[in-house]
Protein backbone atom coordinates (compact mmCIF):
# COMPACT_ATOMS: atom_id res chain seq x y z
CA MET A 1 -15.81 16.19 -3.94
CA SER A 2 -12.65 14.17 -3.65
CA LEU A 3 -11.76 11.03 -2.17
CA ASP A 4 -9.33 11.87 0.86
CA PRO A 5 -8.47 8.18 2.54
CA SER A 6 -7.02 9.97 5.53
CA LYS A 7 -10.58 11.69 6.72
CA ILE A 8 -12.43 8.33 5.76
CA ALA A 9 -9.71 6.41 7.95
CA ARG A 10 -9.83 9.06 10.72
CA GLN A 11 -13.82 8.82 10.53
CA ILE A 12 -13.68 4.91 10.87
CA LEU A 13 -11.88 5.29 14.12
CA ILE A 14 -14.54 8.38 15.06
CA ASP A 15 -17.62 5.81 14.64
CA ASP A 16 -15.98 2.93 16.82
CA SER A 17 -15.30 5.64 19.48
CA ILE A 18 -11.34 4.99 19.48
CA VAL A 19 -10.24 9.07 18.99
CA THR A 20 -12.40 12.30 18.58
CA LEU A 21 -12.18 15.22 16.47
CA ARG A 22 -9.23 17.07 16.44
CA SER A 23 -11.77 20.33 17.46
CA SER A 24 -12.94 18.04 20.81
CA ASP A 25 -11.21 18.48 24.21
CA GLU A 26 -11.86 14.81 24.42
CA ASP A 27 -8.98 12.16 24.60
CA TRP A 28 -7.25 11.11 21.85
CA PRO A 29 -8.15 13.94 19.01
CA CYS A 30 -6.98 13.16 15.35
CA PHE A 31 -5.99 15.43 12.87
CA THR A 32 -5.48 14.47 9.29
CA THR A 33 -2.21 15.60 7.54
CA ARG A 34 -0.41 16.62 10.73
CA VAL A 35 -0.12 17.04 14.33
CA PRO A 36 0.21 21.23 14.92
CA ASN A 37 3.23 21.91 17.09
CA ARG A 38 1.16 23.96 19.71
CA ASP A 39 0.76 24.27 23.41
CA ASN A 40 -2.92 23.17 23.59
CA VAL A 41 -2.52 20.03 21.50
CA PRO A 42 -2.71 17.02 24.23
CA ASN A 43 0.04 14.70 24.58
CA ASP A 44 -1.94 11.96 23.52
CA THR A 45 -3.23 12.39 19.85
CA LEU A 46 -2.64 11.35 16.56
CA ALA A 47 -2.76 12.12 12.71
CA ILE A 48 -3.86 9.92 9.87
CA ILE A 49 -1.38 11.20 6.64
CA ASN A 50 -2.08 10.08 3.17
CA THR A 51 0.54 7.92 1.66
CA THR A 52 1.49 6.27 -1.70
CA GLY A 53 -1.33 4.25 -2.66
CA ILE A 54 -1.06 0.70 -5.15
CA LYS A 55 -2.59 0.48 -8.51
CA GLN A 56 -4.26 -3.03 -8.17
CA GLY A 57 -5.29 -3.29 -12.16
CA ARG A 58 -8.10 -1.96 -14.31
CA LEU A 59 -11.77 -3.30 -15.23
CA MET A 60 -12.81 -3.95 -18.53
CA GLY A 61 -14.45 -0.16 -19.46
CA SER A 62 -11.07 1.56 -18.04
CA THR A 63 -12.16 1.61 -14.41
CA THR A 64 -8.52 1.73 -12.44
CA LEU A 65 -8.53 -0.31 -9.24
CA MET A 66 -6.74 1.68 -6.60
CA LYS A 67 -5.79 0.87 -2.98
CA ARG A 68 -5.16 4.11 -1.07
CA GLY A 69 -2.55 4.42 1.39
CA PHE A 70 -2.44 6.05 4.92
CA GLN A 71 -0.30 5.98 7.82
CA VAL A 72 -1.28 6.43 11.49
CA LEU A 73 0.86 8.80 13.46
CA LEU A 74 0.56 8.51 17.13
CA TYR A 75 2.20 10.57 20.19
CA SER A 76 1.77 9.07 23.47
CA SER A 77 2.92 10.42 27.13
CA GLU A 78 3.54 6.85 27.78
CA TYR A 79 4.89 3.81 25.81
CA ASP A 80 2.08 1.27 27.09
CA ASP A 81 -0.56 3.68 26.23
CA GLY A 82 0.20 4.31 22.89
CA TRP A 83 0.97 0.68 22.26
CA ASP A 84 -2.55 -0.46 23.41
CA LYS A 85 -4.24 2.53 21.37
CA MET A 86 -2.18 1.55 17.95
CA THR A 87 -3.34 -2.21 18.51
CA GLU A 88 -6.95 -0.81 19.20
CA ILE A 89 -6.59 1.37 15.94
CA GLN A 90 -5.51 -1.67 14.05
CA GLU A 91 -7.89 -3.92 15.28
CA SER A 92 -10.49 -1.25 14.05
CA TYR A 93 -9.30 -1.78 10.54
CA ASP A 94 -9.13 -5.18 10.80
CA THR A 95 -13.02 -5.47 11.14
CA ILE A 96 -14.12 -3.32 7.83
CA ASN A 97 -15.40 -5.61 5.17
CA ARG A 98 -17.47 -4.09 2.74
CA THR A 99 -18.58 -1.10 5.20
CA THR A 100 -20.38 2.23 4.53
CA VAL A 101 -18.46 5.04 6.04
CA THR A 102 -20.21 8.37 6.01
CA PHE A 103 -18.11 11.73 5.98
CA ASP A 104 -19.24 15.10 5.15
CA SER A 105 -22.64 13.84 4.09
CA VAL A 106 -20.95 11.44 1.50
CA ASP A 107 -21.42 8.06 1.50
CA TYR A 108 -18.09 5.88 0.93
CA LEU A 109 -17.94 1.94 0.48
CA VAL A 110 -14.88 0.74 2.35
CA GLN A 111 -14.23 -2.78 0.95
CA VAL A 112 -11.00 -3.51 2.99
CA VAL A 113 -8.51 -1.73 4.73
CA VAL A 114 -5.08 -4.01 4.82
CA ARG A 115 -1.98 -3.59 7.21
CA PHE A 116 1.09 -2.64 5.30
CA SER A 117 3.33 -2.61 8.37
CA ASP A 118 3.25 -3.77 11.87
CA ILE A 119 3.38 -1.12 14.57
CA ILE A 120 6.30 0.68 14.41
CA PRO A 121 7.84 2.28 17.96
CA VAL A 122 9.55 5.08 16.36
CA GLY A 123 11.13 6.47 19.86
CA GLN A 124 10.36 9.63 21.57
CA GLU A 125 10.32 13.45 20.65
CA GLU A 126 13.35 15.42 21.17
CA ASP A 127 11.50 18.27 22.33
CA GLY A 128 10.28 19.20 25.95
CA LYS A 129 7.13 16.82 25.85
CA ARG A 130 9.48 13.79 25.05
CA ARG A 131 6.13 11.89 24.02
CA GLU A 132 6.31 8.37 22.67
CA ILE A 133 5.72 8.05 18.69
CA PHE A 134 4.20 5.26 16.99
CA SER A 135 3.79 4.76 13.27
CA GLN A 136 1.53 2.14 11.04
CA ASN A 137 1.00 2.08 7.52
CA PHE A 138 -2.30 0.94 5.83
CA LEU A 139 -4.06 0.50 2.41
CA MET A 140 -7.81 0.95 2.09
CA GLU A 141 -10.30 -0.01 -1.05
CA VAL A 142 -12.49 2.36 -0.95
CA GLN A 143 -14.91 4.27 -3.42
CA THR A 144 -18.24 6.53 -3.17
CA ALA A 145 -21.06 4.27 -2.45
């Protein structure tokens, strides 16, 4: 099984009851890789996308230390609701400190999640939905437990 930071980052938010699985009919479904462009996707939704990480160095014995990058891309029908949800997300990631996260029956040890940017209000979509878009980038230090 490959280590996928976007899916581990999503699992953290699901465990904290901040988002739901993409297949759920509940509030704030969370996708990985992208938000599908379909009519049945709720207005208030988000995606967690893998981005470039940072190589931190190497331990003796050739173990590479790597912080893996991911971006939260949030769509909201209302600006204030979107800002509040992004704040809730970043506060959830701020609490991570040597936390075990289970995804797909595999335990991962998440050492830390670091903010790599502040919340970025990107603007509105240009299609008919005119949802507000927010973005924030993070780095995660994670390994299998």
